[in-house]
Every structure is written in C-alpha cells, then in structure tokens.
C-alpha cells in the first residue's frame, strides 16, 4: 500500500511540474514597476511590463484592466509564441500624490492560478515648485 501511495505521489508531482502549455514570466521583480519620485512636467507616465512565454504553446493575453480609470493598460494583439517576449504598456495619468495601482492580466498561461496575473505600479508624483520671476531676481541679488 505504501508503494502505491508513493508511486501515485510521484506521478501527480511529475504531472504538475511538467505542465505543457503557455507560461508567462515577467521581467520585473514581483511584477512591480516603480516609478520612483517623478513630476508630471517631466514624465509621460508610460511604463512597460516585459514578459516572455517560457511554455511550449502560444500565449494569449485575453484582457488587461486596471483598478481605476487613472491607469490605462494596453495589451499585445496577437499570440506570443514560445520563447518570444512582448510587453504590456501602462499609462498613468500622473495626478500628484502616491501611486499604488494594480493591473490584472487574464491569460491562457498554465503557470499562474486561473491564468490571472497581478501587475503593480508604485511611486509618487510631485508638483514642481514654481519660482516666480521676483523670487528668481531676489535669489540672484542675494548671490551677488
């Protein structure tokens, strides 16, 4: 009986680890892109999540959606063949304040539960302090 259970255990584990199909692996650590501290004046808010299909079947990105309207993701239109890479583009609207958003990716990948992957963006958008012409002139006079 112990031998039968052992053989069943080995076969089940082998089947799990030898899954065939599309597999998605993202380049960014923890599927997170860090904007850092950025200004709306100098940053367009566009970032890319690069991924590779490490499986043995075409990868299909069925849908991508964000937790709010301030983050607009776009996905590849065609299949990603085994061994090939592509990316999901995210545009954040750069409202001042902290950035903490999640983008959900629906795929046919067998290496993620239900084919769903959560991508995250984080960072902070700051407003550059405007210096009036009078302040600039005063600063120049103080340096003289």
Protein backbone atom coordinates (compact mmCIF):
# COMPACT_ATOMS: atom_id res chain seq x y z
CA UNK A 1 0.00 0.00 0.00
CA UNK A 2 2.84 2.40 0.82
CA UNK A 3 4.41 1.70 -2.57
CA UNK A 4 1.16 2.51 -4.36
CA UNK A 5 0.81 5.80 -2.47
CA UNK A 6 4.43 6.69 -3.20
CA UNK A 7 4.05 5.96 -6.92
CA UNK A 8 0.82 7.99 -7.04
CA UNK A 9 2.56 10.89 -5.27
CA UNK A 10 5.47 10.82 -7.73
CA UNK A 11 3.15 10.69 -10.75
CA UNK A 12 0.99 13.56 -9.50
CA UNK A 13 4.04 15.74 -8.78
CA UNK A 14 5.51 14.90 -12.18
CA UNK A 15 2.29 15.91 -13.87
CA UNK A 16 2.18 19.21 -12.01
CA UNK A 17 5.77 20.18 -12.79
CA UNK A 18 5.64 19.01 -16.39
CA UNK A 19 2.60 21.07 -17.36
CA UNK A 20 2.53 21.79 -21.01
CA UNK A 21 1.06 24.94 -22.42
CA UNK A 22 1.77 28.65 -22.42
CA UNK A 23 3.72 30.05 -19.46
CA UNK A 24 4.14 33.74 -18.68
CA UNK A 25 7.19 35.07 -16.84
CA UNK A 26 7.57 38.80 -16.19
CA UNK A 27 10.97 40.52 -16.19
CA UNK A 28 10.23 42.91 -13.29
CA UNK A 29 10.78 41.70 -9.76
CA UNK A 30 7.45 40.86 -8.09
CA UNK A 31 5.64 42.04 -11.26
CA UNK A 32 6.07 45.61 -10.00
CA UNK A 33 7.25 48.74 -11.80
CA UNK A 34 8.48 51.51 -9.52
CA UNK A 35 8.05 55.00 -10.97
CA UNK A 36 10.11 56.43 -8.11
CA UNK A 37 9.53 60.13 -7.44
CA UNK A 38 8.50 61.82 -10.67
CA UNK A 39 7.00 65.09 -11.85
CA UNK A 40 4.06 65.42 -14.22
CA UNK A 41 6.07 68.08 -16.09
CA UNK A 42 8.95 65.75 -16.93
CA UNK A 43 7.36 62.27 -17.11
CA UNK A 44 4.70 60.99 -19.52
CA UNK A 45 3.56 58.24 -17.12
CA UNK A 46 4.12 55.40 -19.59
CA UNK A 47 5.80 52.21 -18.41
CA UNK A 48 6.15 48.71 -19.87
CA UNK A 49 5.91 45.30 -18.25
CA UNK A 50 8.08 42.95 -20.30
CA UNK A 51 7.28 39.23 -20.27
CA UNK A 52 8.34 36.03 -22.00
CA UNK A 53 6.38 32.95 -22.96
CA UNK A 54 8.51 30.18 -21.43
CA UNK A 55 5.99 27.46 -22.27
CA UNK A 56 5.55 25.22 -25.27
CA UNK A 57 2.30 26.68 -26.65
CA UNK A 58 1.23 30.14 -27.86
CA UNK A 59 0.44 32.61 -25.06
CA UNK A 60 -2.73 34.65 -25.40
CA UNK A 61 -3.31 37.81 -23.38
CA UNK A 62 -7.11 37.80 -23.24
CA UNK A 63 -7.65 41.02 -21.30
CA UNK A 64 -5.92 43.61 -19.13
CA UNK A 65 -7.72 46.00 -16.83
CA UNK A 66 -6.89 48.44 -14.08
CA UNK A 67 -8.37 49.13 -10.67
CA UNK A 68 -9.24 52.70 -11.74
CA UNK A 69 -9.57 54.98 -14.76
CA UNK A 70 -6.35 56.84 -13.95
CA UNK A 71 -4.31 53.88 -15.20
CA UNK A 72 -4.80 52.72 -18.79
CA UNK A 73 -3.19 49.40 -19.77
CA UNK A 74 -2.83 48.06 -23.31
CA UNK A 75 -2.04 44.51 -24.36
CA UNK A 76 -0.45 42.73 -27.30
CA UNK A 77 -2.98 41.91 -30.01
CA UNK A 78 -1.66 38.59 -31.26
CA UNK A 79 -0.37 35.34 -29.82
CA UNK A 80 3.07 35.29 -28.24
CA UNK A 81 4.89 32.21 -29.48
CA UNK A 82 7.03 30.01 -27.18
CA UNK A 83 10.36 31.65 -26.37
CA UNK A 84 9.20 35.08 -27.57
CA UNK A 85 8.83 38.23 -25.48
CA UNK A 86 6.38 41.12 -25.59
CA UNK A 87 5.08 43.76 -23.21
CA UNK A 88 2.02 45.29 -21.61
CA UNK A 89 2.05 49.09 -21.65
CA UNK A 90 0.59 51.10 -18.77
CA UNK A 91 -0.12 54.85 -18.85
CA UNK A 92 -0.71 56.54 -15.51
CA UNK A 93 -2.36 59.99 -15.62
CA UNK A 94 0.28 61.49 -13.30
CA UNK A 95 -2.05 63.03 -10.71
CA UNK A 96 0.07 64.41 -7.84
CA UNK A 97 0.37 62.06 -4.88
CA UNK A 98 1.31 58.44 -4.23
CA UNK A 99 0.94 55.82 -6.97
CA UNK A 100 -0.38 52.42 -5.84
CA UNK A 101 -2.30 50.68 -8.63
CA UNK A 102 -2.92 47.12 -9.76
CA UNK A 103 -3.39 45.89 -13.32
CA UNK A 104 -4.97 42.46 -13.80
CA UNK A 105 -3.88 40.37 -16.77
CA UNK A 106 -6.09 37.49 -17.98
CA UNK A 107 -4.11 34.88 -19.96
CA UNK A 108 -4.14 31.25 -21.02
CA UNK A 109 -0.91 30.63 -19.06
CA UNK A 110 -0.77 27.37 -17.10
CA UNK A 111 1.89 28.52 -14.62
CA UNK A 112 -0.35 31.06 -12.86
CA UNK A 113 -3.55 30.31 -10.99
CA UNK A 114 -6.55 30.70 -13.26
CA UNK A 115 -4.34 32.33 -15.88
CA UNK A 116 -4.57 35.61 -13.91
CA UNK A 117 -1.53 37.77 -13.12
CA UNK A 118 -1.50 40.93 -10.98
CA UNK A 119 0.90 43.68 -12.05
CA UNK A 120 1.59 46.65 -9.80
CA UNK A 121 2.83 50.18 -10.23
CA UNK A 122 4.08 52.32 -7.40
CA UNK A 123 5.81 55.62 -6.82
CA UNK A 124 4.97 59.24 -6.17
CA UNK A 125 4.09 62.14 -8.44
CA UNK A 126 5.24 65.50 -7.15
CA UNK A 127 4.42 69.03 -8.28
CA UNK A 128 7.47 71.06 -9.16
CA UNK A 129 7.58 74.25 -7.16
CA UNK A 130 7.03 77.21 -9.43
CA UNK A 131 9.54 80.00 -8.88
CA UNK A 132 8.17 83.43 -9.69
CA UNK A 133 10.32 85.91 -11.63
CA UNK A 134 10.50 88.07 -8.49
CA UNK A 135 11.88 85.13 -6.46
CA UNK A 136 14.44 84.41 -9.20
CA UNK A 137 15.58 88.03 -9.20
CA UNK A 138 15.79 88.09 -5.39
CA UNK A 139 17.84 84.88 -5.41
CA UNK A 140 20.26 86.35 -7.97
CA UNK A 141 20.64 89.54 -5.91
CA UNK A 142 21.40 87.52 -2.76
CA UNK A 143 24.15 85.63 -4.57
CA UNK A 144 25.83 88.87 -5.74
